[in-house]
Each structure stands twice: as C-alpha cells, then as structure tokens.
Amino acid sequence: MGANVRQLRADAGLTLSELAEALVISHQQLQKYETGANRISAGMLYELARFFVISVDQLFEGSDAEVSEDSELIRARHKCHAVIDRTASKSKLEAMAKVLRAMSGD
C-alpha cells in the first residue's frame, strides 16, 4: 500500500513535505508509510483517501492494475485538485477558476 501512496503523491506532483504538511504529519512519517517501515492506521487511510479524492479501497489496489482512460482522467483531476488545495491565496484561486472556466467553455 505504501507504494500506492507514493504513486498517488507522485502523480499529484507533490513532494513528501507537501503531502505530509497537508496530512499534518512529518515528512519522515510519510516516508515510513511509503517504504512500508510503518503501518498506516485506519485514520490515516481515511485522510489519504479524502486528500486524493478516492475510496479507501483504491489505496489497496495494486500499482499494476490496468490503466483505463477513466483512471487517467481521475489522475489528471487529482493533479489539479492537489495544486488547488495547496493554493492559499484567494486571488490566485479566483484566477485559476477563471482560467478553468475559459478552458472548459462554460
């Protein structure tokens, strides 16, 4: 499961420190989860799933699972969510919203 967390983090373009900060844990603890040195608690599984906008079950899926067009779309959404979630400036978020609306044609 740690490898899946590492893959999700990488797909979202996050560093260990960035994801750890979002989860309110140390980057060392996150690294131990990713390497399998420490087990991931049920509460942390929930927090990881909530952060990546996936079900807890998806954290258990193997990294060799078949990649479909839908899963690629989901990964792209996760990358966007990760950038948005790390943005603390209201003005920057409003600018992002304008760009996204313009790109989507809404």
PDB file of N, CA and C in Angstrom:
ATOM      1  N   MET A   1       0.811  -1.187   0.000  1.00  0.00           N
ATOM      2  CA  MET A   1       0.000   0.000   0.000  1.00  0.00           C
ATOM      3  C   MET A   1       0.858   1.256   0.000  1.00  0.00           C
ATOM      4  N   GLY A   2       2.006   1.217   0.656  1.00  0.00           N
ATOM      5  CA  GLY A   2       2.885   2.373   0.671  1.00  0.00           C
ATOM      6  C   GLY A   2       3.300   2.803  -0.721  1.00  0.00           C
ATOM      7  N   ALA A   3       3.531   1.813  -1.590  1.00  0.00           N
ATOM      8  CA  ALA A   3       3.899   2.123  -2.973  1.00  0.00           C
ATOM      9  C   ALA A   3       2.756   2.844  -3.680  1.00  0.00           C
ATOM     10  N   ASN A   4       1.524   2.468  -3.358  1.00  0.00           N
ATOM     11  CA  ASN A   4       0.371   3.139  -3.957  1.00  0.00           C
ATOM     12  C   ASN A   4       0.278   4.590  -3.495  1.00  0.00           C
ATOM     13  N   VAL A   5       0.577   4.816  -2.219  1.00  0.00           N
ATOM     14  CA  VAL A   5       0.568   6.185  -1.694  1.00  0.00           C
ATOM     15  C   VAL A   5       1.650   7.001  -2.396  1.00  0.00           C
ATOM     16  N   ARG A   6       2.832   6.415  -2.535  1.00  0.00           N
ATOM     17  CA  ARG A   6       3.930   7.107  -3.216  1.00  0.00           C
ATOM     18  C   ARG A   6       3.542   7.442  -4.653  1.00  0.00           C
ATOM     19  N   GLN A   7       2.881   6.509  -5.338  1.00  0.00           N
ATOM     20  CA  GLN A   7       2.471   6.744  -6.722  1.00  0.00           C
ATOM     21  C   GLN A   7       1.429   7.858  -6.805  1.00  0.00           C
ATOM     22  N   LEU A   8       0.461   7.837  -5.895  1.00  0.00           N
ATOM     23  CA  LEU A   8      -0.549   8.900  -5.871  1.00  0.00           C
ATOM     24  C   LEU A   8       0.100  10.261  -5.641  1.00  0.00           C
ATOM     25  N   ARG A   9       1.051  10.290  -4.710  1.00  0.00           N
ATOM     26  CA  ARG A   9       1.755  11.539  -4.425  1.00  0.00           C
ATOM     27  C   ARG A   9       2.517  12.025  -5.648  1.00  0.00           C
ATOM     28  N   ALA A  10       3.224  11.110  -6.293  1.00  0.00           N
ATOM     29  CA  ALA A  10       3.994  11.476  -7.488  1.00  0.00           C
ATOM     30  C   ALA A  10       3.076  11.944  -8.613  1.00  0.00           C
ATOM     31  N   ASP A  11       1.971  11.227  -8.799  1.00  0.00           N
ATOM     32  CA  ASP A  11       1.016  11.609  -9.847  1.00  0.00           C
ATOM     33  C   ASP A  11       0.443  12.998  -9.604  1.00  0.00           C
ATOM     34  N   ALA A  12       0.307  13.357  -8.334  1.00  0.00           N
ATOM     35  CA  ALA A  12      -0.229  14.678  -7.990  1.00  0.00           C
ATOM     36  C   ALA A  12       0.850  15.760  -8.019  1.00  0.00           C
ATOM     37  N   GLY A  13       2.094  15.354  -8.238  1.00  0.00           N
ATOM     38  CA  GLY A  13       3.187  16.314  -8.305  1.00  0.00           C
ATOM     39  C   GLY A  13       3.556  16.900  -6.954  1.00  0.00           C
ATOM     40  N   LEU A  14       3.374  16.119  -5.905  1.00  0.00           N
ATOM     41  CA  LEU A  14       3.649  16.596  -4.552  1.00  0.00           C
ATOM     42  C   LEU A  14       4.968  16.040  -4.024  1.00  0.00           C
ATOM     43  N   THR A  15       5.645  16.831  -3.227  1.00  0.00           N
ATOM     44  CA  THR A  15       6.825  16.335  -2.523  1.00  0.00           C
ATOM     45  C   THR A  15       6.359  15.649  -1.236  1.00  0.00           C
ATOM     46  N   LEU A  16       7.278  14.914  -0.628  1.00  0.00           N
ATOM     47  CA  LEU A  16       6.975  14.306   0.676  1.00  0.00           C
ATOM     48  C   LEU A  16       6.520  15.377   1.663  1.00  0.00           C
ATOM     49  N   SER A  17       7.246  16.471   1.707  1.00  0.00           N
ATOM     50  CA  SER A  17       6.936  17.545   2.658  1.00  0.00           C
ATOM     51  C   SER A  17       5.570  18.157   2.401  1.00  0.00           C
ATOM     52  N   GLU A  18       5.219  18.363   1.148  1.00  0.00           N
ATOM     53  CA  GLU A  18       3.923  18.972   0.827  1.00  0.00           C
ATOM     54  C   GLU A  18       2.761  18.085   1.252  1.00  0.00           C
ATOM     55  N   LEU A  19       2.849  16.795   0.939  1.00  0.00           N
ATOM     56  CA  LEU A  19       1.759  15.897   1.338  1.00  0.00           C
ATOM     57  C   LEU A  19       1.733  15.733   2.846  1.00  0.00           C
ATOM     58  N   ALA A  20       2.890  15.604   3.465  1.00  0.00           N
ATOM     59  CA  ALA A  20       2.945  15.466   4.926  1.00  0.00           C
ATOM     60  C   ALA A  20       2.311  16.669   5.611  1.00  0.00           C
ATOM     61  N   GLU A  21       2.616  17.857   5.106  1.00  0.00           N
ATOM     62  CA  GLU A  21       2.037  19.072   5.680  1.00  0.00           C
ATOM     63  C   GLU A  21       0.518  19.056   5.556  1.00  0.00           C
ATOM     64  N   ALA A  22       0.009  18.628   4.410  1.00  0.00           N
ATOM     65  CA  ALA A  22      -1.438  18.571   4.198  1.00  0.00           C
ATOM     66  C   ALA A  22      -2.091  17.557   5.136  1.00  0.00           C
ATOM     67  N   LEU A  23      -1.361  16.495   5.470  1.00  0.00           N
ATOM     68  CA  LEU A  23      -1.881  15.441   6.349  1.00  0.00           C
ATOM     69  C   LEU A  23      -1.577  15.711   7.823  1.00  0.00           C
ATOM     70  N   VAL A  24      -0.832  16.787   8.088  1.00  0.00           N
ATOM     71  CA  VAL A  24      -0.420  17.182   9.431  1.00  0.00           C
ATOM     72  C   VAL A  24       0.394  16.068  10.105  1.00  0.00           C
ATOM     73  N   ILE A  25       1.377  15.545   9.359  1.00  0.00           N
ATOM     74  CA  ILE A  25       2.345  14.583   9.885  1.00  0.00           C
ATOM     75  C   ILE A  25       3.727  15.015   9.401  1.00  0.00           C
ATOM     76  N   SER A  26       4.762  14.408   9.939  1.00  0.00           N
ATOM     77  CA  SER A  26       6.113  14.757   9.493  1.00  0.00           C
ATOM     78  C   SER A  26       6.412  14.070   8.160  1.00  0.00           C
ATOM     79  N   HIS A  27       7.335  14.657   7.396  1.00  0.00           N
ATOM     80  CA  HIS A  27       7.693  14.016   6.134  1.00  0.00           C
ATOM     81  C   HIS A  27       8.399  12.687   6.407  1.00  0.00           C
ATOM     82  N   GLN A  28       9.049  12.557   7.559  1.00  0.00           N
ATOM     83  CA  GLN A  28       9.692  11.289   7.912  1.00  0.00           C
ATOM     84  C   GLN A  28       8.643  10.194   8.117  1.00  0.00           C
ATOM     85  N   GLN A  29       7.532  10.555   8.778  1.00  0.00           N
ATOM     86  CA  GLN A  29       6.459   9.574   8.987  1.00  0.00           C
ATOM     87  C   GLN A  29       5.861   9.152   7.648  1.00  0.00           C
ATOM     88  N   LEU A  30       5.624  10.097   6.769  1.00  0.00           N
ATOM     89  CA  LEU A  30       5.080   9.773   5.450  1.00  0.00           C
ATOM     90  C   LEU A  30       6.041   8.862   4.693  1.00  0.00           C
ATOM     91  N   GLN A  31       7.318   9.153   4.775  1.00  0.00           N
ATOM     92  CA  GLN A  31       8.307   8.313   4.100  1.00  0.00           C
ATOM     93  C   GLN A  31       8.268   6.884   4.653  1.00  0.00           C
ATOM     94  N   LYS A  32       8.090   6.738   5.955  1.00  0.00           N
ATOM     95  CA  LYS A  32       7.992   5.408   6.554  1.00  0.00           C
ATOM     96  C   LYS A  32       6.743   4.675   6.066  1.00  0.00           C
ATOM     97  N   TYR A  33       5.641   5.405   5.886  1.00  0.00           N
ATOM     98  CA  TYR A  33       4.439   4.787   5.313  1.00  0.00           C
ATOM     99  C   TYR A  33       4.724   4.298   3.890  1.00  0.00           C
ATOM    100  N   GLU A  34       5.344   5.163   3.094  1.00  0.00           N
ATOM    101  CA  GLU A  34       5.598   4.826   1.685  1.00  0.00           C
ATOM    102  C   GLU A  34       6.558   3.656   1.526  1.00  0.00           C
ATOM    103  N   THR A  35       7.525   3.539   2.414  1.00  0.00           N
ATOM    104  CA  THR A  35       8.502   2.455   2.301  1.00  0.00           C
ATOM    105  C   THR A  35       8.026   1.181   2.984  1.00  0.00           C
ATOM    106  N   GLY A  36       6.936   1.271   3.739  1.00  0.00           N
ATOM    107  CA  GLY A  36       6.426   0.103   4.441  1.00  0.00           C
ATOM    108  C   GLY A  36       7.069  -0.117   5.799  1.00  0.00           C
ATOM    109  N   ALA A  37       7.898   0.822   6.245  1.00  0.00           N
ATOM    110  CA  ALA A  37       8.537   0.696   7.558  1.00  0.00           C
ATOM    111  C   ALA A  37       7.512   0.827   8.686  1.00  0.00           C
ATOM    112  N   ASN A  38       6.467   1.628   8.478  1.00  0.00           N
ATOM    113  CA  ASN A  38       5.380   1.777   9.454  1.00  0.00           C
ATOM    114  C   ASN A  38       4.056   1.441   8.783  1.00  0.00           C
ATOM    115  N   ARG A  39       3.186   0.824   9.554  1.00  0.00           N
ATOM    116  CA  ARG A  39       1.836   0.548   9.055  1.00  0.00           C
ATOM    117  C   ARG A  39       1.013   1.830   9.055  1.00  0.00           C
ATOM    118  N   ILE A  40       0.083   1.899   8.116  1.00  0.00           N
ATOM    119  CA  ILE A  40      -0.793   3.061   8.007  1.00  0.00           C
ATOM    120  C   ILE A  40      -2.053   2.776   8.813  1.00  0.00           C
ATOM    121  N   SER A  41      -2.368   3.650   9.761  1.00  0.00           N
ATOM    122  CA  SER A  41      -3.552   3.460  10.602  1.00  0.00           C
ATOM    123  C   SER A  41      -4.830   3.656   9.787  1.00  0.00           C
ATOM    124  N   ALA A  42      -5.934   3.181  10.345  1.00  0.00           N
ATOM    125  CA  ALA A  42      -7.227   3.349   9.675  1.00  0.00           C
ATOM    126  C   ALA A  42      -7.552   4.825   9.503  1.00  0.00           C
ATOM    127  N   GLY A  43      -7.241   5.619  10.522  1.00  0.00           N
ATOM    128  CA  GLY A  43      -7.499   7.058  10.423  1.00  0.00           C
ATOM    129  C   GLY A  43      -6.691   7.715   9.321  1.00  0.00           C
ATOM    130  N   MET A  44      -5.425   7.298   9.184  1.00  0.00           N
ATOM    131  CA  MET A  44      -4.580   7.871   8.134  1.00  0.00           C
ATOM    132  C   MET A  44      -5.044   7.394   6.759  1.00  0.00           C
ATOM    133  N   LEU A  45      -5.511   6.144   6.663  1.00  0.00           N
ATOM    134  CA  LEU A  45      -6.069   5.667   5.390  1.00  0.00           C
ATOM    135  C   LEU A  45      -7.219   6.570   4.957  1.00  0.00           C
ATOM    136  N   TYR A  46      -8.073   6.892   5.914  1.00  0.00           N
ATOM    137  CA  TYR A  46      -9.200   7.777   5.627  1.00  0.00           C
ATOM    138  C   TYR A  46      -8.714   9.144   5.146  1.00  0.00           C
ATOM    139  N   GLU A  47      -7.722   9.702   5.854  1.00  0.00           N
ATOM    140  CA  GLU A  47      -7.204  11.022   5.484  1.00  0.00           C
ATOM    141  C   GLU A  47      -6.555  11.003   4.102  1.00  0.00           C
ATOM    142  N   LEU A  48      -5.812   9.947   3.792  1.00  0.00           N
ATOM    143  CA  LEU A  48      -5.189   9.823   2.467  1.00  0.00           C
ATOM    144  C   LEU A  48      -6.252   9.736   1.376  1.00  0.00           C
ATOM    145  N   ALA A  49      -7.258   8.909   1.609  1.00  0.00           N
ATOM    146  CA  ALA A  49      -8.338   8.756   0.623  1.00  0.00           C
ATOM    147  C   ALA A  49      -9.075  10.078   0.430  1.00  0.00           C
ATOM    148  N   ARG A  50      -9.326  10.767   1.522  1.00  0.00           N
ATOM    149  CA  ARG A  50     -10.020  12.056   1.441  1.00  0.00           C
ATOM    150  C   ARG A  50      -9.178  13.076   0.681  1.00  0.00           C
ATOM    151  N   PHE A  51      -7.873  13.104   0.959  1.00  0.00           N
ATOM    152  CA  PHE A  51      -6.998  14.056   0.290  1.00  0.00           C
ATOM    153  C   PHE A  51      -6.956  13.807  -1.216  1.00  0.00           C
ATOM    154  N   PHE A  52      -6.815  12.533  -1.610  1.00  0.00           N
ATOM    155  CA  PHE A  52      -6.685  12.208  -3.029  1.00  0.00           C
ATOM    156  C   PHE A  52      -8.029  12.022  -3.723  1.00  0.00           C
ATOM    157  N   VAL A  53      -9.116  12.230  -2.985  1.00  0.00           N
ATOM    158  CA  VAL A  53     -10.475  12.124  -3.515  1.00  0.00           C
ATOM    159  C   VAL A  53     -10.684  10.743  -4.161  1.00  0.00           C
ATOM    160  N   ILE A  54     -10.366   9.719  -3.389  1.00  0.00           N
ATOM    161  CA  ILE A  54     -10.560   8.333  -3.819  1.00  0.00           C
ATOM    162  C   ILE A  54     -11.160   7.565  -2.651  1.00  0.00           C
ATOM    163  N   SER A  55     -11.608   6.337  -2.922  1.00  0.00           N
ATOM    164  CA  SER A  55     -12.108   5.498  -1.836  1.00  0.00           C
ATOM    165  C   SER A  55     -10.923   4.842  -1.136  1.00  0.00           C
ATOM    166  N   VAL A  56     -11.115   4.440   0.103  1.00  0.00           N
ATOM    167  CA  VAL A  56     -10.062   3.739   0.842  1.00  0.00           C
ATOM    168  C   VAL A  56      -9.676   2.464   0.093  1.00  0.00           C
ATOM    169  N   ASP A  57     -10.651   1.801  -0.524  1.00  0.00           N
ATOM    170  CA  ASP A  57     -10.379   0.582  -1.295  1.00  0.00           C
ATOM    171  C   ASP A  57      -9.340   0.818  -2.381  1.00  0.00           C
ATOM    172  N   GLN A  58      -9.370   1.984  -2.991  1.00  0.00           N
ATOM    173  CA  GLN A  58      -8.434   2.279  -4.070  1.00  0.00           C
ATOM    174  C   GLN A  58      -6.992   2.371  -3.581  1.00  0.00           C
ATOM    175  N   LEU A  59      -6.789   2.636  -2.298  1.00  0.00           N
ATOM    176  CA  LEU A  59      -5.433   2.654  -1.745  1.00  0.00           C
ATOM    177  C   LEU A  59      -4.827   1.251  -1.710  1.00  0.00           C
ATOM    178  N   PHE A  60      -5.692   0.237  -1.707  1.00  0.00           N
ATOM    179  CA  PHE A  60      -5.231  -1.142  -1.644  1.00  0.00           C
ATOM    180  C   PHE A  60      -4.981  -1.749  -3.015  1.00  0.00           C
ATOM    181  N   GLU A  61      -5.458  -1.095  -4.074  1.00  0.00           N
ATOM    182  CA  GLU A  61      -5.295  -1.631  -5.427  1.00  0.00           C
ATOM    183  C   GLU A  61      -3.826  -1.663  -5.798  1.00  0.00           C
ATOM    184  N   GLY A  62      -3.436  -2.709  -6.508  1.00  0.00           N
ATOM    185  CA  GLY A  62      -2.048  -2.837  -6.932  1.00  0.00           C
ATOM    186  C   GLY A  62      -1.672  -1.797  -7.950  1.00  0.00           C
ATOM    187  N   SER A  63      -0.390  -1.417  -7.952  1.00  0.00           N
ATOM    188  CA  SER A  63       0.080  -0.421  -8.908  1.00  0.00           C
ATOM    189  C   SER A  63       0.125  -0.991 -10.322  1.00  0.00           C
ATOM    190  N   ASP A  64      -0.014  -2.331 -10.442  1.00  0.00           N
ATOM    191  CA  ASP A  64      -0.015  -2.952 -11.762  1.00  0.00           C
ATOM    192  C   ASP A  64      -1.424  -3.121 -12.313  1.00  0.00           C
ATOM    193  N   ALA A  65      -2.405  -2.483 -11.637  1.00  0.00           N
ATOM    194  CA  ALA A  65      -3.784  -2.558 -12.110  1.00  0.00           C
ATOM    195  C   ALA A  65      -3.890  -1.937 -13.497  1.00  0.00           C
ATOM    196  N   GLU A  66      -4.819  -2.463 -14.264  1.00  0.00           N
ATOM    197  CA  GLU A  66      -5.000  -1.978 -15.634  1.00  0.00           C
ATOM    198  C   GLU A  66      -5.331  -0.497 -15.625  1.00  0.00           C
ATOM    199  N   VAL A  67      -4.663   0.257 -16.462  1.00  0.00           N
ATOM    200  CA  VAL A  67      -4.883   1.698 -16.553  1.00  0.00           C
ATOM    201  C   VAL A  67      -5.873   1.952 -17.676  1.00  0.00           C
ATOM    202  N   SER A  68      -7.004   2.513 -17.308  1.00  0.00           N
ATOM    203  CA  SER A  68      -8.031   2.813 -18.297  1.00  0.00           C
ATOM    204  C   SER A  68      -8.039   4.311 -18.565  1.00  0.00           C
ATOM    205  N   GLU A  69      -8.785   4.668 -19.576  1.00  0.00           N
ATOM    206  CA  GLU A  69      -8.919   6.091 -19.889  1.00  0.00           C
ATOM    207  C   GLU A  69      -9.550   6.821 -18.716  1.00  0.00           C
ATOM    208  N   ASP A  70     -10.531   6.171 -18.041  1.00  0.00           N
ATOM    209  CA  ASP A  70     -11.168   6.774 -16.882  1.00  0.00           C
ATOM    210  C   ASP A  70     -10.169   7.022 -15.763  1.00  0.00           C
ATOM    211  N   SER A  71      -9.270   6.053 -15.505  1.00  0.00           N
ATOM    212  CA  SER A  71      -8.309   6.239 -14.421  1.00  0.00           C
ATOM    213  C   SER A  71      -7.304   7.332 -14.776  1.00  0.00           C
ATOM    214  N   GLU A  72      -6.972   7.483 -16.039  1.00  0.00           N
ATOM    215  CA  GLU A  72      -6.089   8.584 -16.440  1.00  0.00           C
ATOM    216  C   GLU A  72      -6.778   9.926 -16.223  1.00  0.00           C
ATOM    217  N   LEU A  73      -8.063   9.986 -16.489  1.00  0.00           N
ATOM    218  CA  LEU A  73      -8.836  11.202 -16.252  1.00  0.00           C
ATOM    219  C   LEU A  73      -8.880  11.508 -14.762  1.00  0.00           C
ATOM    220  N   ILE A  74      -9.073  10.492 -13.944  1.00  0.00           N
ATOM    221  CA  ILE A  74      -9.100  10.667 -12.493  1.00  0.00           C
ATOM    222  C   ILE A  74      -7.750  11.162 -11.996  1.00  0.00           C
ATOM    223  N   ARG A  75      -6.660  10.597 -12.505  1.00  0.00           N
ATOM    224  CA  ARG A  75      -5.322  11.050 -12.104  1.00  0.00           C
ATOM    225  C   ARG A  75      -5.107  12.513 -12.478  1.00  0.00           C
ATOM    226  N   ALA A  76      -5.568  12.904 -13.656  1.00  0.00           N
ATOM    227  CA  ALA A  76      -5.424  14.297 -14.076  1.00  0.00           C
ATOM    228  C   ALA A  76      -6.215  15.213 -13.142  1.00  0.00           C
ATOM    229  N   ARG A  77      -7.406  14.771 -12.742  1.00  0.00           N
ATOM    230  CA  ARG A  77      -8.194  15.566 -11.792  1.00  0.00           C
ATOM    231  C   ARG A  77      -7.475  15.686 -10.458  1.00  0.00           C
ATOM    232  N   HIS A  78      -6.860  14.584  -9.995  1.00  0.00           N
ATOM    233  CA  HIS A  78      -6.130  14.610  -8.728  1.00  0.00           C
ATOM    234  C   HIS A  78      -4.990  15.624  -8.780  1.00  0.00           C
ATOM    235  N   LYS A  79      -4.301  15.683  -9.926  1.00  0.00           N
ATOM    236  CA  LYS A  79      -3.212  16.648 -10.070  1.00  0.00           C
ATOM    237  C   LYS A  79      -3.744  18.070  -9.940  1.00  0.00           C
ATOM    238  N   CYS A  80      -4.880  18.334 -10.573  1.00  0.00           N
ATOM    239  CA  CYS A  80      -5.485  19.666 -10.482  1.00  0.00           C
ATOM    240  C   CYS A  80      -5.917  19.971  -9.055  1.00  0.00           C
ATOM    241  N   HIS A  81      -6.573  19.008  -8.412  1.00  0.00           N
ATOM    242  CA  HIS A  81      -7.013  19.201  -7.029  1.00  0.00           C
ATOM    243  C   HIS A  81      -5.830  19.480  -6.116  1.00  0.00           C
ATOM    244  N   ALA A  82      -4.736  18.773  -6.320  1.00  0.00           N
ATOM    245  CA  ALA A  82      -3.560  18.953  -5.465  1.00  0.00           C
ATOM    246  C   ALA A  82      -3.013  20.377  -5.576  1.00  0.00           C
ATOM    247  N   VAL A  83      -2.976  20.905  -6.801  1.00  0.00           N
ATOM    248  CA  VAL A  83      -2.489  22.278  -6.992  1.00  0.00           C
ATOM    249  C   VAL A  83      -3.449  23.265  -6.327  1.00  0.00           C
ATOM    250  N   ILE A  84      -4.719  23.064  -6.535  1.00  0.00           N
ATOM    251  CA  ILE A  84      -5.724  23.959  -5.952  1.00  0.00           C
ATOM    252  C   ILE A  84      -5.671  23.903  -4.433  1.00  0.00           C
ATOM    253  N   ASP A  85      -5.575  22.691  -3.873  1.00  0.00           N
ATOM    254  CA  ASP A  85      -5.554  22.534  -2.420  1.00  0.00           C
ATOM    255  C   ASP A  85      -4.335  23.177  -1.777  1.00  0.00           C
ATOM    256  N   ARG A  86      -3.235  23.307  -2.516  1.00  0.00           N
ATOM    257  CA  ARG A  86      -2.019  23.923  -1.974  1.00  0.00           C
ATOM    258  C   ARG A  86      -2.022  25.438  -2.117  1.00  0.00           C
ATOM    259  N   THR A  87      -3.002  25.992  -2.807  1.00  0.00           N
ATOM    260  CA  THR A  87      -3.048  27.432  -3.048  1.00  0.00           C
ATOM    261  C   THR A  87      -3.784  28.122  -1.906  1.00  0.00           C
ATOM    262  N   ALA A  88      -3.093  29.033  -1.245  1.00  0.00           N
ATOM    263  CA  ALA A  88      -3.660  29.709  -0.076  1.00  0.00           C
ATOM    264  C   ALA A  88      -4.204  31.100  -0.403  1.00  0.00           C
ATOM    265  N   SER A  89      -3.936  31.590  -1.587  1.00  0.00           N
ATOM    266  CA  SER A  89      -4.342  32.945  -1.957  1.00  0.00           C
ATOM    267  C   SER A  89      -5.714  32.941  -2.637  1.00  0.00           C
ATOM    268  N   LYS A  90      -6.622  33.733  -2.077  1.00  0.00           N
ATOM    269  CA  LYS A  90      -7.963  33.833  -2.665  1.00  0.00           C
ATOM    270  C   LYS A  90      -7.885  34.382  -4.090  1.00  0.00           C
ATOM    271  N   SER A  91      -7.049  35.385  -4.311  1.00  0.00           N
ATOM    272  CA  SER A  91      -6.958  35.986  -5.644  1.00  0.00           C
ATOM    273  C   SER A  91      -6.409  34.976  -6.661  1.00  0.00           C
ATOM    274  N   LYS A  92      -5.440  34.173  -6.242  1.00  0.00           N
ATOM    275  CA  LYS A  92      -4.908  33.152  -7.152  1.00  0.00           C
ATOM    276  C   LYS A  92      -5.958  32.093  -7.452  1.00  0.00           C
ATOM    277  N   LEU A  93      -6.727  31.694  -6.440  1.00  0.00           N
ATOM    278  CA  LEU A  93      -7.793  30.712  -6.666  1.00  0.00           C
ATOM    279  C   LEU A  93      -8.858  31.253  -7.617  1.00  0.00           C
ATOM    280  N   GLU A  94      -9.191  32.528  -7.465  1.00  0.00           N
ATOM    281  CA  GLU A  94     -10.168  33.140  -8.368  1.00  0.00           C
ATOM    282  C   GLU A  94      -9.627  33.188  -9.791  1.00  0.00           C
ATOM    283  N   ALA A  95      -8.341  33.487  -9.940  1.00  0.00           N
ATOM    284  CA  ALA A  95      -7.725  33.499 -11.269  1.00  0.00           C
ATOM    285  C   ALA A  95      -7.727  32.099 -11.865  1.00  0.00           C
ATOM    286  N   MET A  96      -7.421  31.095 -11.050  1.00  0.00           N
ATOM    287  CA  MET A  96      -7.451  29.706 -11.530  1.00  0.00           C
ATOM    288  C   MET A  96      -8.854  29.337 -12.001  1.00  0.00           C
ATOM    289  N   ALA A  97      -9.856  29.742 -11.231  1.00  0.00           N
ATOM    290  CA  ALA A  97     -11.239  29.441 -11.589  1.00  0.00           C
ATOM    291  C   ALA A  97     -11.601  30.055 -12.941  1.00  0.00           C
ATOM    292  N   LYS A  98     -11.157  31.314 -13.173  1.00  0.00           N
ATOM    293  CA  LYS A  98     -11.424  31.959 -14.462  1.00  0.00           C
ATOM    294  C   LYS A  98     -10.765  31.193 -15.620  1.00  0.00           C
ATOM    295  N   VAL A  99      -9.519  30.784 -15.406  1.00  0.00           N
ATOM    296  CA  VAL A  99      -8.798  30.050 -16.450  1.00  0.00           C
ATOM    297  C   VAL A  99      -9.503  28.718 -16.723  1.00  0.00           C
ATOM    298  N   LEU A 100      -9.872  28.009 -15.674  1.00  0.00           N
ATOM    299  CA  LEU A 100     -10.534  26.717 -15.851  1.00  0.00           C
ATOM    300  C   LEU A 100     -11.885  26.859 -16.551  1.00  0.00           C
ATOM    301  N   ARG A 101     -12.643  27.897 -16.157  1.00  0.00           N
ATOM    302  CA  ARG A 101     -13.920  28.128 -16.825  1.00  0.00           C
ATOM    303  C   ARG A 101     -13.725  28.435 -18.302  1.00  0.00           C
ATOM    304  N   ALA A 102     -12.713  29.255 -18.612  1.00  0.00           N
ATOM    305  CA  ALA A 102     -12.443  29.606 -20.010  1.00  0.00           C
ATOM    306  C   ALA A 102     -12.028  28.376 -20.816  1.00  0.00           C
ATOM    307  N   MET A 103     -11.226  27.515 -20.195  1.00  0.00           N
ATOM    308  CA  MET A 103     -10.770  26.311 -20.897  1.00  0.00           C
ATOM    309  C   MET A 103     -11.885  25.302 -21.116  1.00  0.00           C
ATOM    310  N   SER A 104     -12.853  25.266 -20.175  1.00  0.00           N
ATOM    311  CA  SER A 104     -13.933  24.285 -20.285  1.00  0.00           C
ATOM    312  C   SER A 104     -15.060  24.770 -21.184  1.00  0.00           C
ATOM    313  N   GLY A 105     -15.062  26.057 -21.504  1.00  0.00           N
ATOM    314  CA  GLY A 105     -16.079  26.593 -22.391  1.00  0.00           C
ATOM    315  C   GLY A 105     -17.361  26.950 -21.685  1.00  0.00           C
ATOM    316  N   ASP A 106     -17.345  26.962 -20.346  1.00  0.00           N
ATOM    317  CA  ASP A 106     -18.553  27.334 -19.576  1.00  0.00           C
ATOM    318  C   ASP A 106     -18.700  28.817 -19.448  1.00  0.00           C
TER     319      ASP A 106
END
